[in-house]
Amino acid sequence: MRDDALLTSTIGSFPKPEYLTKARAALAQGKIGEAELKAAEERATRETIALQEELGLDVLVDGEMYRGDMATYFAENTDGFAVSGLVRSYGNRYYRKPILTGPVRRRGPITVEWWKWAQSLTKKPMKAIITGPYTMMDWSFDEHYASRREACLDLARALHEEVRDLEAAGARWIQIDEPALSVRVDELDLAIAAMAIVTEGIRARTLTHICYGTFEQIYPRLLDLAVDEFDLAMADTGFALVDHFGKHPFTKIFGLGVFDVHTHVVEPVASMRAGIEKTLRYLPPERVTVVPDCGLKTRTWDEAKDKLVHLVAAVKQVREGL
């Protein structure tokens, strides 16, 4: 079997340890400085990478310990944004909503130095991860642009610069998250145009992550997004989208989400294995990457670890059976 068959990875975020959460609160209260917070973020990043290596994952992430919300973090580091108070994302999860107040311009590298440092901690490939232009636009208030399209495409041009610099720094896997895409079928053409700008001329393996939506409404047109791989939430719907691959073949690399990150239940190895085996009826193993449905930040550290242990075990069983 090829070395790139059924690679394992995660979407990006990991649970933040209590000492890091306390450090952030202490910074906000003026009890510690930026240096102390960064030390806690680096410690948490090292622990996250060590865990992934211990579990035997193939493509690693830094755990996003230096980020808060995925949209707010990029807004805080990009010209043309202000940040408002808390708004509810879902359930009891809140984020500080960005506000577009002027023309979007990239101030400078946002994630490049963190990615370079994280990659230096492992010999395995480290994914670079940014939030995509459509999601940044959709999750922000707009007080500047005349249209959603104008805002989205300006964001795409700014984020292309970040992707270009990540590739120049050595990133071989670059993920552009677009979770907002799955709920706005009428704007799929806009998202496709924006992604084409973000990934133009990029030779690294590009991915997008889209979670918890009605993919059947945007499939197979979804495949026109200019990326090499799609990481999609599948477990929460019983791998329903896979049933469409017989009629409309999946032509890219498929990042198969095999467990739901919004439940405390640790899914059995057998259910993950069944999802992988169902997918392999339609795709060769070298075009399937096995991942969680979404980022792991909403789970406890033990839940995240146990779910990933089962993911790795399921992949091992399938590999042995091929």
Protein backbone atom coordinates (compact mmCIF):
# COMPACT_ATOMS: atom_id res chain seq x y z
CA MET A 1 0.00 0.00 0.00
CA ARG A 2 1.24 3.50 -0.83
CA ASP A 3 2.79 5.60 1.94
CA ASP A 4 0.18 8.32 1.39
CA ALA A 5 -2.77 5.96 1.79
CA LEU A 6 -5.23 6.77 4.60
CA LEU A 7 -3.14 9.48 6.19
CA THR A 8 -4.36 10.64 9.59
CA SER A 9 -4.59 14.22 10.82
CA THR A 10 -6.84 16.64 12.71
CA ILE A 11 -8.61 19.82 11.68
CA GLY A 12 -6.52 22.25 13.72
CA SER A 13 -7.63 23.29 17.20
CA PHE A 14 -7.02 21.33 20.41
CA PRO A 15 -8.43 21.94 23.91
CA LYS A 16 -6.62 24.72 25.70
CA PRO A 17 -5.13 23.53 29.02
CA GLU A 18 -6.27 25.19 32.21
CA TYR A 19 -2.92 26.90 32.82
CA LEU A 20 -3.22 28.64 29.43
CA THR A 21 -6.78 29.77 30.08
CA LYS A 22 -5.68 31.18 33.43
CA ALA A 23 -2.72 32.92 31.81
CA ARG A 24 -5.01 34.66 29.33
CA ALA A 25 -7.26 35.83 32.14
CA ALA A 26 -4.23 37.05 34.08
CA LEU A 27 -3.02 39.05 31.08
CA ALA A 28 -6.43 40.70 30.72
CA GLN A 29 -6.29 41.64 34.41
CA GLY A 30 -2.80 43.08 34.08
CA LYS A 31 -1.27 40.45 36.38
CA ILE A 32 1.22 39.09 33.81
CA GLY A 33 2.82 40.39 30.64
CA GLU A 34 2.84 39.23 27.01
CA ALA A 35 6.05 37.27 27.55
CA GLU A 36 4.48 35.11 30.26
CA LEU A 37 1.44 34.43 28.09
CA LYS A 38 3.60 33.45 25.12
CA ALA A 39 5.56 31.04 27.31
CA ALA A 40 2.28 29.33 28.27
CA GLU A 41 1.19 29.20 24.62
CA GLU A 42 4.50 27.64 23.60
CA ARG A 43 4.28 25.07 26.40
CA ALA A 44 0.76 24.10 25.29
CA THR A 45 1.89 23.87 21.66
CA ARG A 46 4.78 21.55 22.57
CA GLU A 47 2.42 19.32 24.55
CA THR A 48 -0.07 19.19 21.67
CA ILE A 49 2.59 18.21 19.16
CA ALA A 50 4.01 15.60 21.55
CA LEU A 51 0.55 14.06 21.98
CA GLN A 52 0.02 13.79 18.23
CA GLU A 53 3.39 12.11 17.78
CA GLU A 54 2.61 9.72 20.65
CA LEU A 55 -0.69 8.78 18.98
CA GLY A 56 1.01 8.22 15.62
CA LEU A 57 -0.81 10.84 13.54
CA ASP A 58 0.73 11.46 10.12
CA VAL A 59 0.13 15.18 9.53
CA LEU A 60 0.29 17.39 12.61
CA VAL A 61 -1.18 20.73 13.70
CA ASP A 62 0.04 23.24 16.28
CA GLY A 63 -3.27 23.14 18.19
CA GLU A 64 -3.90 26.90 17.72
CA MET A 65 -2.91 27.66 21.30
CA TYR A 66 -2.02 31.26 20.42
CA ARG A 67 -5.44 31.93 18.83
CA GLY A 68 -8.84 32.67 20.28
CA ASP A 69 -11.70 32.55 17.81
CA MET A 70 -10.72 31.68 14.25
CA ALA A 71 -12.24 34.84 12.74
CA THR A 72 -11.35 37.28 15.52
CA TYR A 73 -7.69 36.27 15.52
CA PHE A 74 -7.22 37.15 11.86
CA ALA A 75 -9.29 40.33 12.20
CA GLU A 76 -7.08 41.53 15.05
CA ASN A 77 -4.03 41.10 12.84
CA THR A 78 -5.42 42.65 9.63
CA ASP A 79 -5.92 46.31 8.79
CA GLY A 80 -9.50 47.35 8.05
CA PHE A 81 -11.03 45.60 11.06
CA ALA A 82 -12.25 46.55 14.49
CA VAL A 83 -13.50 44.00 17.00
CA SER A 84 -16.85 44.27 18.81
CA GLY A 85 -18.20 42.67 21.97
CA LEU A 86 -19.28 39.08 22.40
CA VAL A 87 -21.93 37.49 20.16
CA ARG A 88 -23.17 33.92 20.31
CA SER A 89 -21.76 31.49 17.79
CA TYR A 90 -23.79 28.43 18.84
CA GLY A 91 -24.98 26.89 22.10
CA ASN A 92 -23.01 28.56 24.88
CA ARG A 93 -20.08 29.46 22.63
CA TYR A 94 -19.36 33.14 22.05
CA TYR A 95 -16.83 35.12 20.05
CA ARG A 96 -15.85 38.75 19.63
CA LYS A 97 -17.35 39.64 16.26
CA PRO A 98 -15.09 41.48 13.79
CA ILE A 99 -16.28 44.68 12.11
CA LEU A 100 -15.12 45.73 8.66
CA THR A 101 -14.41 49.44 9.08
CA GLY A 102 -12.14 50.15 6.12
CA PRO A 103 -10.35 48.54 3.18
CA VAL A 104 -8.83 45.19 4.15
CA ARG A 105 -5.05 45.10 3.94
CA ARG A 106 -2.62 42.53 5.30
CA ARG A 107 -0.48 44.27 7.90
CA GLY A 108 2.21 41.60 7.72
CA PRO A 109 2.65 37.85 8.31
CA ILE A 110 0.04 36.53 10.74
CA THR A 111 0.79 32.84 11.27
CA VAL A 112 4.12 32.37 9.48
CA GLU A 113 6.49 32.60 12.47
CA TRP A 114 4.27 30.40 14.65
CA TRP A 115 4.11 27.81 11.85
CA LYS A 116 7.89 27.85 11.36
CA TRP A 117 8.48 27.38 15.08
CA ALA A 118 5.91 24.55 15.36
CA GLN A 119 7.39 22.79 12.32
CA SER A 120 10.83 22.94 13.94
CA LEU A 121 9.50 20.79 16.79
CA THR A 122 8.73 17.75 14.61
CA LYS A 123 10.00 15.90 11.56
CA LYS A 124 6.43 15.19 10.46
CA PRO A 125 4.61 17.67 8.19
CA MET A 126 2.93 20.50 10.08
CA LYS A 127 -0.23 21.96 8.57
CA ALA A 128 -0.47 25.72 8.21
CA ILE A 129 -4.05 26.86 8.89
CA ILE A 130 -5.82 30.12 8.12
CA THR A 131 -9.46 31.22 8.11
CA GLY A 132 -10.84 31.63 4.59
CA PRO A 133 -12.12 34.86 3.02
CA TYR A 134 -15.75 33.81 2.70
CA THR A 135 -16.00 32.90 6.39
CA MET A 136 -14.14 36.05 7.46
CA MET A 137 -16.62 38.12 5.45
CA ASP A 138 -19.70 36.21 6.57
CA TRP A 139 -18.79 36.27 10.27
CA SER A 140 -18.07 40.02 10.34
CA PHE A 141 -20.26 43.11 10.51
CA ASP A 142 -19.64 45.27 7.44
CA GLU A 143 -19.56 49.04 7.86
CA HIS A 144 -17.36 49.76 4.84
CA TYR A 145 -17.96 47.69 1.71
CA ALA A 146 -20.80 48.21 -0.75
CA SER A 147 -21.36 44.47 -1.20
CA ARG A 148 -20.51 41.11 0.32
CA ARG A 149 -18.67 40.21 -2.90
CA GLU A 150 -16.39 43.24 -2.71
CA ALA A 151 -15.51 42.48 0.92
CA CYS A 152 -14.92 38.79 0.27
CA LEU A 153 -12.61 39.33 -2.69
CA ASP A 154 -10.56 41.97 -0.85
CA LEU A 155 -10.13 39.48 1.98
CA ALA A 156 -9.10 36.83 -0.53
CA ARG A 157 -6.34 39.04 -1.88
CA ALA A 158 -5.03 39.73 1.63
CA LEU A 159 -5.11 36.06 2.60
CA HIS A 160 -3.35 35.05 -0.62
CA GLU A 161 -0.35 36.98 0.65
CA GLU A 162 -0.38 34.92 3.86
CA VAL A 163 -0.63 31.64 1.93
CA ARG A 164 2.17 32.71 -0.39
CA ASP A 165 4.45 33.49 2.57
CA LEU A 166 3.59 30.22 4.31
CA GLU A 167 4.58 28.29 1.21
CA ALA A 168 7.81 30.29 0.91
CA ALA A 169 8.55 29.40 4.55
CA GLY A 170 8.28 25.71 3.68
CA ALA A 171 4.67 24.75 4.43
CA ARG A 172 3.71 21.68 2.38
CA TRP A 173 0.10 21.52 3.65
CA ILE A 174 -1.96 24.72 3.82
CA GLN A 175 -5.54 24.61 5.09
CA ILE A 176 -8.01 27.41 4.36
CA ASP A 177 -11.00 26.96 6.68
CA GLU A 178 -14.43 27.85 5.26
CA PRO A 179 -17.03 26.63 7.80
CA ALA A 180 -19.54 29.31 6.75
CA LEU A 181 -19.74 27.98 3.21
CA SER A 182 -22.05 25.05 3.86
CA VAL A 183 -25.07 27.15 4.84
CA ARG A 184 -25.23 29.67 1.97
CA VAL A 185 -25.90 27.76 -1.23
CA ASP A 186 -26.69 30.94 -3.17
CA GLU A 187 -23.18 32.32 -2.60
CA LEU A 188 -21.19 29.28 -3.67
CA ASP A 189 -19.98 31.06 -6.82
CA LEU A 190 -18.56 33.85 -4.66
CA ALA A 191 -16.75 31.39 -2.42
CA ILE A 192 -15.30 29.66 -5.49
CA ALA A 193 -14.05 32.97 -6.92
CA ALA A 194 -12.48 33.93 -3.59
CA MET A 195 -10.70 30.60 -3.10
CA ALA A 196 -9.24 30.84 -6.61
CA ILE A 197 -7.57 34.09 -5.56
CA VAL A 198 -6.28 32.67 -2.26
CA THR A 199 -4.61 29.61 -3.81
CA GLU A 200 -3.49 31.08 -7.16
CA GLY A 201 -0.01 29.84 -8.06
CA ILE A 202 0.38 27.80 -4.85
CA ARG A 203 2.11 24.43 -5.27
CA ALA A 204 1.75 23.22 -1.67
CA ARG A 205 -1.11 20.84 -0.94
CA THR A 206 -4.11 23.06 -0.29
CA LEU A 207 -7.07 21.99 1.83
CA THR A 208 -10.33 23.48 2.95
CA HIS A 209 -12.36 22.43 5.96
CA ILE A 210 -16.14 22.78 5.90
CA CYS A 211 -18.22 21.48 8.78
CA TYR A 212 -21.77 20.76 9.87
CA GLY A 213 -23.76 21.75 6.81
CA THR A 214 -26.00 20.25 4.16
CA PHE A 215 -23.25 19.31 1.74
CA GLU A 216 -25.73 17.58 -0.55
CA GLN A 217 -27.03 21.04 -1.54
CA ILE A 218 -23.64 22.21 -2.82
CA TYR A 219 -22.28 18.90 -4.14
CA PRO A 220 -20.78 18.28 -6.72
CA ARG A 221 -20.38 22.02 -7.47
CA LEU A 222 -18.39 22.16 -4.24
CA LEU A 223 -15.52 20.48 -6.10
CA ASP A 224 -14.93 23.65 -8.13
CA LEU A 225 -13.22 25.23 -5.12
CA ALA A 226 -9.54 25.63 -6.03
CA VAL A 227 -8.06 23.29 -3.41
CA ASP A 228 -6.58 19.80 -3.52
CA GLU A 229 -8.42 18.36 -0.50
CA PHE A 230 -11.77 18.80 1.23
CA ASP A 231 -11.99 17.95 4.94
CA LEU A 232 -15.70 17.49 5.64
CA ALA A 233 -17.77 16.60 8.70
CA MET A 234 -19.29 13.21 7.91
CA ALA A 235 -19.81 11.27 11.13
CA ASP A 236 -22.64 13.45 12.45
CA THR A 237 -24.77 12.58 9.37
CA GLY A 238 -23.88 8.91 9.24
CA PHE A 239 -21.56 9.48 6.25
CA ALA A 240 -24.58 10.42 4.10
CA LEU A 241 -22.66 12.42 1.50
CA VAL A 242 -20.61 9.37 0.59
CA ASP A 243 -23.75 7.83 -0.90
CA HIS A 244 -23.66 10.51 -3.61
CA PHE A 245 -20.20 9.54 -4.84
CA GLY A 246 -21.58 6.76 -7.01
CA LYS A 247 -23.57 9.24 -9.12
CA HIS A 248 -21.15 12.18 -8.89
CA PRO A 249 -17.57 10.96 -8.30
CA PHE A 250 -15.49 12.81 -5.73
CA THR A 251 -12.58 14.06 -7.83
CA LYS A 252 -10.32 15.56 -5.13
CA ILE A 253 -8.66 14.20 -1.99
CA PHE A 254 -11.32 13.49 0.64
CA GLY A 255 -10.68 14.40 4.27
CA LEU A 256 -13.18 12.07 5.92
CA GLY A 257 -14.51 13.23 9.29
CA VAL A 258 -15.04 10.06 11.32
CA PHE A 259 -16.09 11.37 14.74
CA ASP A 260 -18.32 14.17 16.01
CA VAL A 261 -16.48 16.78 18.08
CA HIS A 262 -19.71 18.16 19.56
CA THR A 263 -20.45 15.13 21.70
CA HIS A 264 -18.76 13.85 24.86
CA VAL A 265 -19.29 10.29 23.62
CA VAL A 266 -16.12 8.58 22.45
CA GLU A 267 -17.30 6.79 19.33
CA PRO A 268 -16.26 3.12 19.04
CA VAL A 269 -13.51 2.08 16.68
CA ALA A 270 -16.02 0.00 14.74
CA SER A 271 -18.16 2.99 13.74
CA MET A 272 -15.13 4.91 12.50
CA ARG A 273 -13.89 1.88 10.62
CA ALA A 274 -17.29 1.43 8.99
CA GLY A 275 -17.20 5.02 7.73
CA ILE A 276 -13.74 4.53 6.25
CA GLU A 277 -14.70 1.25 4.58
CA LYS A 278 -17.85 2.81 3.10
CA THR A 279 -15.77 5.61 1.62
CA LEU A 280 -13.24 3.17 0.14
CA ARG A 281 -16.01 1.74 -2.05
CA TYR A 282 -15.75 4.95 -4.06
CA LEU A 283 -12.23 6.28 -3.52
CA PRO A 284 -8.77 4.69 -3.45
CA PRO A 285 -7.01 4.87 -0.06
CA GLU A 286 -4.39 7.31 -1.36
CA ARG A 287 -7.18 9.86 -1.89
CA VAL A 288 -8.62 9.56 1.63
CA THR A 289 -7.33 11.38 4.72
CA VAL A 290 -8.96 10.46 8.03
CA VAL A 291 -9.76 13.35 10.38
CA PRO A 292 -12.28 14.46 13.04
CA ASP A 293 -15.45 16.24 11.93
CA CYS A 294 -14.11 19.58 13.16
CA GLY A 295 -11.59 21.13 15.54
CA LEU A 296 -11.17 19.64 19.01
CA LYS A 297 -11.24 22.83 21.10
CA THR A 298 -14.74 22.13 22.51
CA ARG A 299 -13.69 18.80 24.02
CA THR A 300 -11.74 18.05 27.17
CA TRP A 301 -8.15 16.95 26.76
CA ASP A 302 -9.03 13.35 27.71
CA GLU A 303 -12.00 13.25 25.31
CA ALA A 304 -9.88 14.56 22.46
CA LYS A 305 -7.14 12.03 23.16
CA ASP A 306 -9.52 9.07 23.47
CA LYS A 307 -11.34 9.94 20.25
CA LEU A 308 -8.04 10.24 18.39
CA VAL A 309 -6.83 6.93 19.83
CA HIS A 310 -9.90 5.30 18.29
CA LEU A 311 -9.37 7.13 14.98
CA VAL A 312 -5.80 5.83 14.70
CA ALA A 313 -6.92 2.32 15.68
CA ALA A 314 -9.67 2.33 13.04
CA VAL A 315 -7.24 3.39 10.33
CA LYS A 316 -4.75 0.73 11.40
CA GLN A 317 -7.42 -1.97 11.15
CA VAL A 318 -8.48 -0.82 7.70
CA ARG A 319 -4.87 -0.64 6.49
CA GLU A 320 -4.25 -4.17 7.70
CA GLY A 321 -7.31 -5.39 5.84
CA LEU A 322 -6.35 -3.88 2.50
